[in-house]
PDB file of N, CA and C in Angstrom:
ATOM      1  N   MET A   1     -12.619 -13.352  24.366  1.00  0.00           N
ATOM      2  CA  MET A   1     -12.265 -12.157  23.630  1.00  0.00           C
ATOM      3  C   MET A   1     -13.108 -12.105  22.358  1.00  0.00           C
ATOM      4  N   ALA A   2     -13.642 -10.960  22.066  1.00  0.00           N
ATOM      5  CA  ALA A   2     -14.411 -10.786  20.846  1.00  0.00           C
ATOM      6  C   ALA A   2     -13.498 -10.914  19.639  1.00  0.00           C
ATOM      7  N   LYS A   3     -14.036 -11.425  18.544  1.00  0.00           N
ATOM      8  CA  LYS A   3     -13.248 -11.613  17.331  1.00  0.00           C
ATOM      9  C   LYS A   3     -12.568 -10.319  16.891  1.00  0.00           C
ATOM     10  N   CYS A   4     -13.272  -9.190  17.050  1.00  0.00           N
ATOM     11  CA  CYS A   4     -12.695  -7.914  16.630  1.00  0.00           C
ATOM     12  C   CYS A   4     -11.552  -7.461  17.548  1.00  0.00           C
ATOM     13  N   ASP A   5     -11.441  -8.050  18.740  1.00  0.00           N
ATOM     14  CA  ASP A   5     -10.368  -7.702  19.667  1.00  0.00           C
ATOM     15  C   ASP A   5      -9.111  -8.535  19.427  1.00  0.00           C
ATOM     16  N   GLN A   6      -9.224  -9.550  18.579  1.00  0.00           N
ATOM     17  CA  GLN A   6      -8.077 -10.406  18.304  1.00  0.00           C
ATOM     18  C   GLN A   6      -7.198  -9.769  17.237  1.00  0.00           C
ATOM     19  N   GLY A   7      -5.910 -10.064  17.319  1.00  0.00           N
ATOM     20  CA  GLY A   7      -5.007  -9.646  16.265  1.00  0.00           C
ATOM     21  C   GLY A   7      -5.109 -10.621  15.110  1.00  0.00           C
ATOM     22  N   TYR A   8      -4.190 -10.521  14.202  1.00  0.00           N
ATOM     23  CA  TYR A   8      -4.161 -11.444  13.076  1.00  0.00           C
ATOM     24  C   TYR A   8      -3.792 -12.836  13.573  1.00  0.00           C
ATOM     25  N   LEU A   9      -4.396 -13.848  12.964  1.00  0.00           N
ATOM     26  CA  LEU A   9      -4.053 -15.221  13.299  1.00  0.00           C
ATOM     27  C   LEU A   9      -3.099 -15.764  12.241  1.00  0.00           C
ATOM     28  N   CYS A  10      -2.107 -16.504  12.688  1.00  0.00           N
ATOM     29  CA  CYS A  10      -1.107 -17.093  11.801  1.00  0.00           C
ATOM     30  C   CYS A  10      -1.763 -18.185  10.959  1.00  0.00           C
ATOM     31  N   GLU A  11      -1.590 -18.096   9.642  1.00  0.00           N
ATOM     32  CA  GLU A  11      -2.186 -19.090   8.764  1.00  0.00           C
ATOM     33  C   GLU A  11      -1.482 -20.439   8.854  1.00  0.00           C
ATOM     34  N   VAL A  12      -0.307 -20.489   9.465  1.00  0.00           N
ATOM     35  CA  VAL A  12       0.426 -21.742   9.589  1.00  0.00           C
ATOM     36  C   VAL A  12       0.080 -22.462  10.887  1.00  0.00           C
ATOM     37  N   CYS A  13       0.239 -21.779  12.026  1.00  0.00           N
ATOM     38  CA  CYS A  13       0.034 -22.436  13.324  1.00  0.00           C
ATOM     39  C   CYS A  13      -1.315 -22.123  13.964  1.00  0.00           C
ATOM     40  N   GLY A  14      -1.983 -21.079  13.494  1.00  0.00           N
ATOM     41  CA  GLY A  14      -3.296 -20.714  14.017  1.00  0.00           C
ATOM     42  C   GLY A  14      -3.276 -19.837  15.248  1.00  0.00           C
ATOM     43  N   ASP A  15      -2.104 -19.600  15.829  1.00  0.00           N
ATOM     44  CA  ASP A  15      -2.004 -18.743  17.007  1.00  0.00           C
ATOM     45  C   ASP A  15      -2.001 -17.271  16.593  1.00  0.00           C
ATOM     46  N   GLU A  16      -2.333 -16.417  17.548  1.00  0.00           N
ATOM     47  CA  GLU A  16      -2.362 -14.982  17.298  1.00  0.00           C
ATOM     48  C   GLU A  16      -0.934 -14.434  17.158  1.00  0.00           C
ATOM     49  N   VAL A  17      -0.746 -13.563  16.199  1.00  0.00           N
ATOM     50  CA  VAL A  17       0.511 -12.834  16.044  1.00  0.00           C
ATOM     51  C   VAL A  17       0.327 -11.562  16.859  1.00  0.00           C
ATOM     52  N   THR A  18       0.969 -11.506  18.012  1.00  0.00           N
ATOM     53  CA  THR A  18       0.672 -10.470  18.997  1.00  0.00           C
ATOM     54  C   THR A  18       1.521  -9.209  18.882  1.00  0.00           C
ATOM     55  N   SER A  19       2.560  -9.237  18.071  1.00  0.00           N
ATOM     56  CA  SER A  19       3.450  -8.084  18.002  1.00  0.00           C
ATOM     57  C   SER A  19       3.951  -7.894  16.580  1.00  0.00           C
ATOM     58  N   ILE A  20       4.159  -6.659  16.208  1.00  0.00           N
ATOM     59  CA  ILE A  20       4.678  -6.349  14.882  1.00  0.00           C
ATOM     60  C   ILE A  20       6.065  -6.965  14.683  1.00  0.00           C
ATOM     61  N   VAL A  21       6.834  -7.128  15.749  1.00  0.00           N
ATOM     62  CA  VAL A  21       8.189  -7.663  15.614  1.00  0.00           C
ATOM     63  C   VAL A  21       8.209  -9.178  15.409  1.00  0.00           C
ATOM     64  N   GLU A  22       7.049  -9.814  15.457  1.00  0.00           N
ATOM     65  CA  GLU A  22       6.979 -11.238  15.126  1.00  0.00           C
ATOM     66  C   GLU A  22       6.094 -11.471  13.905  1.00  0.00           C
ATOM     67  N   SER A  23       5.814 -10.402  13.171  1.00  0.00           N
ATOM     68  CA  SER A  23       4.881 -10.445  12.054  1.00  0.00           C
ATOM     69  C   SER A  23       5.566 -10.573  10.700  1.00  0.00           C
ATOM     70  N   ASP A  24       5.330 -11.682  10.045  1.00  0.00           N
ATOM     71  CA  ASP A  24       5.799 -11.878   8.678  1.00  0.00           C
ATOM     72  C   ASP A  24       5.086 -10.917   7.729  1.00  0.00           C
ATOM     73  N   LEU A  25       3.814 -10.658   7.979  1.00  0.00           N
ATOM     74  CA  LEU A  25       3.027  -9.745   7.150  1.00  0.00           C
ATOM     75  C   LEU A  25       3.662  -8.349   7.126  1.00  0.00           C
ATOM     76  N   TYR A  26       3.979  -7.816   8.291  1.00  0.00           N
ATOM     77  CA  TYR A  26       4.557  -6.474   8.346  1.00  0.00           C
ATOM     78  C   TYR A  26       6.015  -6.463   7.893  1.00  0.00           C
ATOM     79  N   LEU A  27       6.733  -7.548   8.081  1.00  0.00           N
ATOM     80  CA  LEU A  27       8.097  -7.606   7.539  1.00  0.00           C
ATOM     81  C   LEU A  27       8.033  -7.523   6.015  1.00  0.00           C
ATOM     82  N   ARG A  28       7.125  -8.278   5.411  1.00  0.00           N
ATOM     83  CA  ARG A  28       6.974  -8.231   3.951  1.00  0.00           C
ATOM     84  C   ARG A  28       6.531  -6.847   3.489  1.00  0.00           C
ATOM     85  N   TYR A  29       5.675  -6.178   4.272  1.00  0.00           N
ATOM     86  CA  TYR A  29       5.252  -4.817   3.926  1.00  0.00           C
ATOM     87  C   TYR A  29       6.434  -3.841   4.008  1.00  0.00           C
ATOM     88  N   VAL A  30       7.198  -3.917   5.067  1.00  0.00           N
ATOM     89  CA  VAL A  30       8.368  -3.050   5.234  1.00  0.00           C
ATOM     90  C   VAL A  30       9.381  -3.284   4.106  1.00  0.00           C
ATOM     91  N   LEU A  31       9.456  -4.513   3.626  1.00  0.00           N
ATOM     92  CA  LEU A  31      10.358  -4.847   2.522  1.00  0.00           C
ATOM     93  C   LEU A  31       9.837  -4.361   1.169  1.00  0.00           C
ATOM     94  N   GLY A  32       8.588  -3.901   1.133  1.00  0.00           N
ATOM     95  CA  GLY A  32       8.013  -3.443  -0.122  1.00  0.00           C
ATOM     96  C   GLY A  32       7.382  -4.551  -0.944  1.00  0.00           C
ATOM     97  N   GLN A  33       7.136  -5.703  -0.329  1.00  0.00           N
ATOM     98  CA  GLN A  33       6.548  -6.828  -1.047  1.00  0.00           C
ATOM     99  C   GLN A  33       5.019  -6.778  -1.079  1.00  0.00           C
ATOM    100  N   LEU A  34       4.415  -5.885  -0.298  1.00  0.00           N
ATOM    101  CA  LEU A  34       2.956  -5.728  -0.242  1.00  0.00           C
ATOM    102  C   LEU A  34       2.601  -4.252  -0.318  1.00  0.00           C
ATOM    103  N   ASP A  35       1.486  -3.951  -0.954  1.00  0.00           N
ATOM    104  CA  ASP A  35       0.952  -2.591  -0.956  1.00  0.00           C
ATOM    105  C   ASP A  35       0.150  -2.374   0.321  1.00  0.00           C
ATOM    106  N   ALA A  36       0.099  -1.147   0.798  1.00  0.00           N
ATOM    107  CA  ALA A  36      -0.661  -0.818   2.005  1.00  0.00           C
ATOM    108  C   ALA A  36      -2.126  -1.220   1.862  1.00  0.00           C
ATOM    109  N   GLU A  37      -2.671  -1.072   0.663  1.00  0.00           N
ATOM    110  CA  GLU A  37      -4.078  -1.387   0.431  1.00  0.00           C
ATOM    111  C   GLU A  37      -4.367  -2.883   0.548  1.00  0.00           C
ATOM    112  N   LYS A  38      -3.347  -3.707   0.463  1.00  0.00           N
ATOM    113  CA  LYS A  38      -3.539  -5.161   0.496  1.00  0.00           C
ATOM    114  C   LYS A  38      -3.198  -5.779   1.851  1.00  0.00           C
ATOM    115  N   LEU A  39      -2.724  -4.970   2.789  1.00  0.00           N
ATOM    116  CA  LEU A  39      -2.339  -5.500   4.099  1.00  0.00           C
ATOM    117  C   LEU A  39      -3.473  -6.270   4.765  1.00  0.00           C
ATOM    118  N   HIS A  40      -4.650  -5.675   4.788  1.00  0.00           N
ATOM    119  CA  HIS A  40      -5.772  -6.306   5.491  1.00  0.00           C
ATOM    120  C   HIS A  40      -6.312  -7.541   4.770  1.00  0.00           C
ATOM    121  N   LEU A  41      -5.898  -7.756   3.533  1.00  0.00           N
ATOM    122  CA  LEU A  41      -6.352  -8.906   2.761  1.00  0.00           C
ATOM    123  C   LEU A  41      -5.324 -10.029   2.712  1.00  0.00           C
ATOM    124  N   SER A  42      -4.117  -9.758   3.161  1.00  0.00           N
ATOM    125  CA  SER A  42      -3.017 -10.718   3.045  1.00  0.00           C
ATOM    126  C   SER A  42      -2.928 -11.616   4.264  1.00  0.00           C
ATOM    127  N   PRO A  43      -2.498 -12.853   4.057  1.00  0.00           N
ATOM    128  CA  PRO A  43      -2.366 -13.775   5.191  1.00  0.00           C
ATOM    129  C   PRO A  43      -1.232 -13.362   6.125  1.00  0.00           C
ATOM    130  N   GLU A  44      -1.404 -13.653   7.385  1.00  0.00           N
ATOM    131  CA  GLU A  44      -0.405 -13.357   8.412  1.00  0.00           C
ATOM    132  C   GLU A  44       0.266 -14.650   8.833  1.00  0.00           C
ATOM    133  N   ARG A  45       1.511 -14.523   9.221  1.00  0.00           N
ATOM    134  CA  ARG A  45       2.282 -15.640   9.777  1.00  0.00           C
ATOM    135  C   ARG A  45       3.244 -15.071  10.804  1.00  0.00           C
ATOM    136  N   HIS A  46       3.619 -15.902  11.756  1.00  0.00           N
ATOM    137  CA  HIS A  46       4.740 -15.539  12.623  1.00  0.00           C
ATOM    138  C   HIS A  46       5.999 -15.605  11.757  1.00  0.00           C
ATOM    139  N   LEU A  47       6.993 -14.818  12.092  1.00  0.00           N
ATOM    140  CA  LEU A  47       8.258 -14.890  11.362  1.00  0.00           C
ATOM    141  C   LEU A  47       8.798 -16.317  11.352  1.00  0.00           C
ATOM    142  N   ARG A  48       8.703 -16.994  12.493  1.00  0.00           N
ATOM    143  CA  ARG A  48       9.221 -18.348  12.590  1.00  0.00           C
ATOM    144  C   ARG A  48       8.412 -19.340  11.748  1.00  0.00           C
ATOM    145  N   CYS A  49       7.188 -18.974  11.414  1.00  0.00           N
ATOM    146  CA  CYS A  49       6.335 -19.840  10.585  1.00  0.00           C
ATOM    147  C   CYS A  49       6.591 -19.627   9.095  1.00  0.00           C
ATOM    148  N   ASN A  50       7.486 -18.714   8.763  1.00  0.00           N
ATOM    149  CA  ASN A  50       7.932 -18.504   7.384  1.00  0.00           C
ATOM    150  C   ASN A  50       9.462 -18.511   7.379  1.00  0.00           C
ATOM    151  N   PRO A  51      10.068 -19.675   7.617  1.00  0.00           N
ATOM    152  CA  PRO A  51      11.530 -19.725   7.728  1.00  0.00           C
ATOM    153  C   PRO A  51      12.270 -19.400   6.443  1.00  0.00           C
ATOM    154  N   VAL A  52      11.638 -19.549   5.284  1.00  0.00           N
ATOM    155  CA  VAL A  52      12.318 -19.227   4.029  1.00  0.00           C
ATOM    156  C   VAL A  52      12.701 -17.748   4.001  1.00  0.00           C
ATOM    157  N   LEU A  53      11.854 -16.880   4.548  1.00  0.00           N
ATOM    158  CA  LEU A  53      12.185 -15.460   4.640  1.00  0.00           C
ATOM    159  C   LEU A  53      12.974 -15.146   5.906  1.00  0.00           C
ATOM    160  N   SER A  54      12.538 -15.670   7.032  1.00  0.00           N
ATOM    161  CA  SER A  54      13.152 -15.275   8.309  1.00  0.00           C
ATOM    162  C   SER A  54      14.560 -15.826   8.513  1.00  0.00           C
ATOM    163  N   GLN A  55      14.990 -16.797   7.716  1.00  0.00           N
ATOM    164  CA  GLN A  55      16.373 -17.278   7.835  1.00  0.00           C
ATOM    165  C   GLN A  55      17.384 -16.179   7.523  1.00  0.00           C
ATOM    166  N   TYR A  56      16.928 -15.116   6.880  1.00  0.00           N
ATOM    167  CA  TYR A  56      17.812 -14.011   6.525  1.00  0.00           C
ATOM    168  C   TYR A  56      17.895 -12.927   7.599  1.00  0.00           C
ATOM    169  N   ILE A  57      17.180 -13.109   8.703  1.00  0.00           N
ATOM    170  CA  ILE A  57      17.253 -12.129   9.785  1.00  0.00           C
ATOM    171  C   ILE A  57      18.516 -12.393  10.599  1.00  0.00           C
ATOM    172  N   ASP A  58      19.377 -11.409  10.645  1.00  0.00           N
ATOM    173  CA  ASP A  58      20.598 -11.480  11.435  1.00  0.00           C
ATOM    174  C   ASP A  58      20.529 -10.358  12.470  1.00  0.00           C
ATOM    175  N   ASP A  59      20.015 -10.703  13.634  1.00  0.00           N
ATOM    176  CA  ASP A  59      19.815  -9.727  14.699  1.00  0.00           C
ATOM    177  C   ASP A  59      19.825 -10.471  16.022  1.00  0.00           C
ATOM    178  N   GLU A  60      20.470  -9.904  17.032  1.00  0.00           N
ATOM    179  CA  GLU A  60      20.585 -10.575  18.335  1.00  0.00           C
ATOM    180  C   GLU A  60      19.231 -10.824  18.999  1.00  0.00           C
ATOM    181  N   ARG A  61      18.198 -10.097  18.588  1.00  0.00           N
ATOM    182  CA  ARG A  61      16.862 -10.268  19.172  1.00  0.00           C
ATOM    183  C   ARG A  61      16.073 -11.394  18.519  1.00  0.00           C
ATOM    184  N   PHE A  62      16.635 -12.026  17.499  1.00  0.00           N
ATOM    185  CA  PHE A  62      15.925 -13.075  16.761  1.00  0.00           C
ATOM    186  C   PHE A  62      16.792 -14.332  16.723  1.00  0.00           C
ATOM    187  N   ASP A  63      16.258 -15.424  17.267  1.00  0.00           N
ATOM    188  CA  ASP A  63      16.970 -16.695  17.214  1.00  0.00           C
ATOM    189  C   ASP A  63      16.976 -17.215  15.781  1.00  0.00           C
ATOM    190  N   PRO A  64      18.158 -17.547  15.258  1.00  0.00           N
ATOM    191  CA  PRO A  64      18.248 -17.993  13.860  1.00  0.00           C
ATOM    192  C   PRO A  64      17.389 -19.230  13.589  1.00  0.00           C
ATOM    193  N   VAL A  65      16.900 -19.290  12.365  1.00  0.00           N
ATOM    194  CA  VAL A  65      16.159 -20.461  11.898  1.00  0.00           C
ATOM    195  C   VAL A  65      16.892 -21.044  10.697  1.00  0.00           C
ATOM    196  N   THR A  66      16.662 -22.317  10.464  1.00  0.00           N
ATOM    197  CA  THR A  66      17.236 -22.970   9.291  1.00  0.00           C
ATOM    198  C   THR A  66      16.115 -23.559   8.454  1.00  0.00           C
ATOM    199  N   VAL A  67      16.406 -23.746   7.201  1.00  0.00           N
ATOM    200  CA  VAL A  67      15.453 -24.304   6.243  1.00  0.00           C
ATOM    201  C   VAL A  67      16.068 -25.570   5.676  1.00  0.00           C
ATOM    202  N   ASP A  68      15.334 -26.644   5.718  1.00  0.00           N
ATOM    203  CA  ASP A  68      15.823 -27.908   5.170  1.00  0.00           C
ATOM    204  C   ASP A  68      15.146 -28.176   3.835  1.00  0.00           C
ATOM    205  N   SER A  69      15.528 -27.383   2.832  1.00  0.00           N
ATOM    206  CA  SER A  69      14.984 -27.550   1.482  1.00  0.00           C
ATOM    207  C   SER A  69      15.935 -26.867   0.506  1.00  0.00           C
ATOM    208  N   ASP A  70      15.524 -26.826  -0.748  1.00  0.00           N
ATOM    209  CA  ASP A  70      16.332 -26.161  -1.773  1.00  0.00           C
ATOM    210  C   ASP A  70      16.455 -24.663  -1.539  1.00  0.00           C
ATOM    211  N   PHE A  71      15.624 -24.095  -0.650  1.00  0.00           N
ATOM    212  CA  PHE A  71      15.656 -22.665  -0.351  1.00  0.00           C
ATOM    213  C   PHE A  71      16.551 -22.325   0.842  1.00  0.00           C
ATOM    214  N   ASP A  72      17.247 -23.306   1.377  1.00  0.00           N
ATOM    215  CA  ASP A  72      18.167 -23.099   2.490  1.00  0.00           C
ATOM    216  C   ASP A  72      19.283 -22.166   2.035  1.00  0.00           C
ATOM    217  N   LYS A  73      19.460 -21.076   2.760  1.00  0.00           N
ATOM    218  CA  LYS A  73      20.465 -20.088   2.356  1.00  0.00           C
ATOM    219  C   LYS A  73      21.877 -20.665   2.316  1.00  0.00           C
ATOM    220  N   ARG A  74      22.109 -21.768   3.007  1.00  0.00           N
ATOM    221  CA  ARG A  74      23.445 -22.374   3.019  1.00  0.00           C
ATOM    222  C   ARG A  74      23.808 -23.002   1.680  1.00  0.00           C
ATOM    223  N   VAL A  75      22.810 -23.218   0.815  1.00  0.00           N
ATOM    224  CA  VAL A  75      23.093 -23.823  -0.492  1.00  0.00           C
ATOM    225  C   VAL A  75      22.874 -22.829  -1.632  1.00  0.00           C
ATOM    226  N   LEU A  76      22.577 -21.588  -1.312  1.00  0.00           N
ATOM    227  CA  LEU A  76      22.331 -20.568  -2.330  1.00  0.00           C
ATOM    228  C   LEU A  76      23.586 -19.736  -2.593  1.00  0.00           C
ATOM    229  N   ASP A  77      23.538 -18.959  -3.645  1.00  0.00           N
ATOM    230  CA  ASP A  77      24.636 -18.087  -4.027  1.00  0.00           C
ATOM    231  C   ASP A  77      24.996 -17.133  -2.888  1.00  0.00           C
ATOM    232  N   ALA A  78      26.268 -17.072  -2.552  1.00  0.00           N
ATOM    233  CA  ALA A  78      26.738 -16.278  -1.405  1.00  0.00           C
ATOM    234  C   ALA A  78      26.426 -14.784  -1.557  1.00  0.00           C
ATOM    235  N   THR A  79      26.528 -14.249  -2.765  1.00  0.00           N
ATOM    236  CA  THR A  79      26.229 -12.834  -2.982  1.00  0.00           C
ATOM    237  C   THR A  79      24.754 -12.565  -2.732  1.00  0.00           C
ATOM    238  N   PHE A  80      23.889 -13.424  -3.261  1.00  0.00           N
ATOM    239  CA  PHE A  80      22.453 -13.286  -3.036  1.00  0.00           C
ATOM    240  C   PHE A  80      22.138 -13.367  -1.544  1.00  0.00           C
ATOM    241  N   VAL A  81      22.719 -14.328  -0.861  1.00  0.00           N
ATOM    242  CA  VAL A  81      22.468 -14.512   0.568  1.00  0.00           C
ATOM    243  C   VAL A  81      22.910 -13.276   1.354  1.00  0.00           C
ATOM    244  N   SER A  82      24.045 -12.740   1.030  1.00  0.00           N
ATOM    245  CA  SER A  82      24.551 -11.552   1.713  1.00  0.00           C
ATOM    246  C   SER A  82      23.610 -10.361   1.513  1.00  0.00           C
ATOM    247  N   GLN A  83      23.180 -10.149   0.276  1.00  0.00           N
ATOM    248  CA  GLN A  83      22.269  -9.036  -0.021  1.00  0.00           C
ATOM    249  C   GLN A  83      20.926  -9.222   0.671  1.00  0.00           C
ATOM    250  N   GLN A  84      20.400 -10.438   0.634  1.00  0.00           N
ATOM    251  CA  GLN A  84      19.119 -10.723   1.269  1.00  0.00           C
ATOM    252  C   GLN A  84      19.216 -10.577   2.777  1.00  0.00           C
ATOM    253  N   THR A  85      20.304 -11.021   3.359  1.00  0.00           N
ATOM    254  CA  THR A  85      20.495 -10.911   4.802  1.00  0.00           C
ATOM    255  C   THR A  85      20.535  -9.446   5.220  1.00  0.00           C
ATOM    256  N   GLU A  86      21.244  -8.628   4.478  1.00  0.00           N
ATOM    257  CA  GLU A  86      21.311  -7.196   4.792  1.00  0.00           C
ATOM    258  C   GLU A  86      19.926  -6.556   4.692  1.00  0.00           C
ATOM    259  N   ARG A  87      19.226  -6.836   3.621  1.00  0.00           N
ATOM    260  CA  ARG A  87      17.913  -6.224   3.374  1.00  0.00           C
ATOM    261  C   ARG A  87      16.866  -6.669   4.397  1.00  0.00           C
ATOM    262  N   VAL A  88      16.762  -7.966   4.640  1.00  0.00           N
ATOM    263  CA  VAL A  88      15.752  -8.494   5.560  1.00  0.00           C
ATOM    264  C   VAL A  88      16.084  -8.097   6.998  1.00  0.00           C
ATOM    265  N   SER A  89      17.347  -8.115   7.355  1.00  0.00           N
ATOM    266  CA  SER A  89      17.753  -7.708   8.711  1.00  0.00           C
ATOM    267  C   SER A  89      17.449  -6.230   8.933  1.00  0.00           C
ATOM    268  N   ARG A  90      17.665  -5.430   7.926  1.00  0.00           N
ATOM    269  CA  ARG A  90      17.351  -4.000   8.023  1.00  0.00           C
ATOM    270  C   ARG A  90      15.844  -3.794   8.213  1.00  0.00           C
ATOM    271  N   ALA A  91      15.051  -4.547   7.497  1.00  0.00           N
ATOM    272  CA  ALA A  91      13.594  -4.454   7.640  1.00  0.00           C
ATOM    273  C   ALA A  91      13.156  -4.918   9.027  1.00  0.00           C
ATOM    274  N   TYR A  92      13.800  -5.963   9.545  1.00  0.00           N
ATOM    275  CA  TYR A  92      13.477  -6.441  10.892  1.00  0.00           C
ATOM    276  C   TYR A  92      13.805  -5.371  11.931  1.00  0.00           C
ATOM    277  N   ARG A  93      14.942  -4.705  11.784  1.00  0.00           N
ATOM    278  CA  ARG A  93      15.288  -3.609  12.701  1.00  0.00           C
ATOM    279  C   ARG A  93      14.270  -2.468  12.596  1.00  0.00           C
ATOM    280  N   ARG A  94      13.738  -2.246  11.399  1.00  0.00           N
ATOM    281  CA  ARG A  94      12.712  -1.222  11.209  1.00  0.00           C
ATOM    282  C   ARG A  94      11.440  -1.590  11.993  1.00  0.00           C
ATOM    283  N   LEU A  95      11.074  -2.872  12.006  1.00  0.00           N
ATOM    284  CA  LEU A  95       9.923  -3.299  12.808  1.00  0.00           C
ATOM    285  C   LEU A  95      10.128  -2.938  14.274  1.00  0.00           C
ATOM    286  N   TRP A  96      11.337  -3.126  14.773  1.00  0.00           N
ATOM    287  CA  TRP A  96      11.634  -2.771  16.166  1.00  0.00           C
ATOM    288  C   TRP A  96      11.538  -1.256  16.382  1.00  0.00           C
ATOM    289  N   GLN A  97      12.024  -0.471  15.424  1.00  0.00           N
ATOM    290  CA  GLN A  97      11.902   0.991  15.528  1.00  0.00           C
ATOM    291  C   GLN A  97      10.436   1.396  15.618  1.00  0.00           C
ATOM    292  N   ILE A  98       9.616   0.793  14.780  1.00  0.00           N
ATOM    293  CA  ILE A  98       8.182   1.093  14.777  1.00  0.00           C
ATOM    294  C   ILE A  98       7.559   0.703  16.112  1.00  0.00           C
ATOM    295  N   ALA A  99       7.880  -0.478  16.590  1.00  0.00           N
ATOM    296  CA  ALA A  99       7.302  -0.983  17.837  1.00  0.00           C
ATOM    297  C   ALA A  99       7.713  -0.144  19.042  1.00  0.00           C
ATOM    298  N   GLN A 100       8.911   0.386  19.034  1.00  0.00           N
ATOM    299  CA  GLN A 100       9.429   1.119  20.184  1.00  0.00           C
ATOM    300  C   GLN A 100       9.250   2.629  20.092  1.00  0.00           C
ATOM    301  N   SER A 101       8.679   3.098  18.983  1.00  0.00           N
ATOM    302  CA  SER A 101       8.500   4.536  18.806  1.00  0.00           C
ATOM    303  C   SER A 101       7.530   5.093  19.844  1.00  0.00           C
ATOM    304  N   GLU A 102       7.891   6.219  20.425  1.00  0.00           N
ATOM    305  CA  GLU A 102       7.030   6.869  21.419  1.00  0.00           C
ATOM    306  C   GLU A 102       5.935   7.698  20.758  1.00  0.00           C
ATOM    307  N   THR A 103       6.103   8.001  19.490  1.00  0.00           N
ATOM    308  CA  THR A 103       5.083   8.727  18.750  1.00  0.00           C
ATOM    309  C   THR A 103       4.616   7.851  17.585  1.00  0.00           C
ATOM    310  N   PRO A 104       3.358   7.963  17.222  1.00  0.00           N
ATOM    311  CA  PRO A 104       2.843   7.138  16.124  1.00  0.00           C
ATOM    312  C   PRO A 104       3.594   7.390  14.819  1.00  0.00           C
ATOM    313  N   ILE A 105       3.793   6.321  14.066  1.00  0.00           N
ATOM    314  CA  ILE A 105       4.424   6.406  12.751  1.00  0.00           C
ATOM    315  C   ILE A 105       3.364   6.035  11.721  1.00  0.00           C
ATOM    316  N   SER A 106       3.230   6.842  10.702  1.00  0.00           N
ATOM    317  CA  SER A 106       2.266   6.566   9.651  1.00  0.00           C
ATOM    318  C   SER A 106       2.597   5.241   8.968  1.00  0.00           C
ATOM    319  N   LEU A 107       1.583   4.464   8.669  1.00  0.00           N
ATOM    320  CA  LEU A 107       1.750   3.198   7.970  1.00  0.00           C
ATOM    321  C   LEU A 107       2.524   3.383   6.676  1.00  0.00           C
ATOM    322  N   LEU A 108       2.335   4.505   6.025  1.00  0.00           N
ATOM    323  CA  LEU A 108       3.013   4.775   4.764  1.00  0.00           C
ATOM    324  C   LEU A 108       4.508   5.026   4.949  1.00  0.00           C
ATOM    325  N   GLU A 109       4.939   5.271   6.199  1.00  0.00           N
ATOM    326  CA  GLU A 109       6.353   5.487   6.494  1.00  0.00           C
ATOM    327  C   GLU A 109       7.057   4.208   6.966  1.00  0.00           C
ATOM    328  N   TYR A 110       6.336   3.100   7.076  1.00  0.00           N
ATOM    329  CA  TYR A 110       6.938   1.847   7.546  1.00  0.00           C
ATOM    330  C   TYR A 110       8.017   1.312   6.600  1.00  0.00           C
ATOM    331  N   PRO A 111       7.770   1.257   5.283  1.00  0.00           N
ATOM    332  CA  PRO A 111       8.748   0.602   4.385  1.00  0.00           C
ATOM    333  C   PRO A 111      10.125   1.258   4.415  1.00  0.00           C
ATOM    334  N   ILE A 112      11.121   0.408   4.212  1.00  0.00           N
ATOM    335  CA  ILE A 112      12.491   0.891   4.074  1.00  0.00           C
ATOM    336  C   ILE A 112      12.690   1.278   2.617  1.00  0.00           C
ATOM    337  N   ASP A 113      13.645   2.129   2.367  1.00  0.00           N
ATOM    338  CA  ASP A 113      13.982   2.483   0.985  1.00  0.00           C
ATOM    339  C   ASP A 113      14.658   1.278   0.345  1.00  0.00           C
ATOM    340  N   SER A 114      14.277   0.983  -0.837  1.00  0.00           N
ATOM    341  CA  SER A 114      14.858  -0.177  -1.540  1.00  0.00           C
ATOM    342  C   SER A 114      16.228   0.099  -2.069  1.00  0.00           C
TER     343      SER A 114
END
């Protein structure tokens, strides 16, 4: 496969991130953590390769991950964890909406309202 035909490569494991629904880069963009102009310059990771963020995904389509460090949601403030879980899970569901849309969605319409 030509280099230009490849998707983004995960900076953690080196494998290709083949779908938006497994993309940490696009999850962070949907969350408003990245500007559209910086997407192509930002590192990509699989969601599972960034467990500090993906531990907050609560969705039947995503197998839960745990973090064994000070950032483990089980040792953080319950209110913060609840808010983060709602926000990140909502962004993850938005990735699925984008992936399953029958009509193209503008990149500028990807982010959720904060």
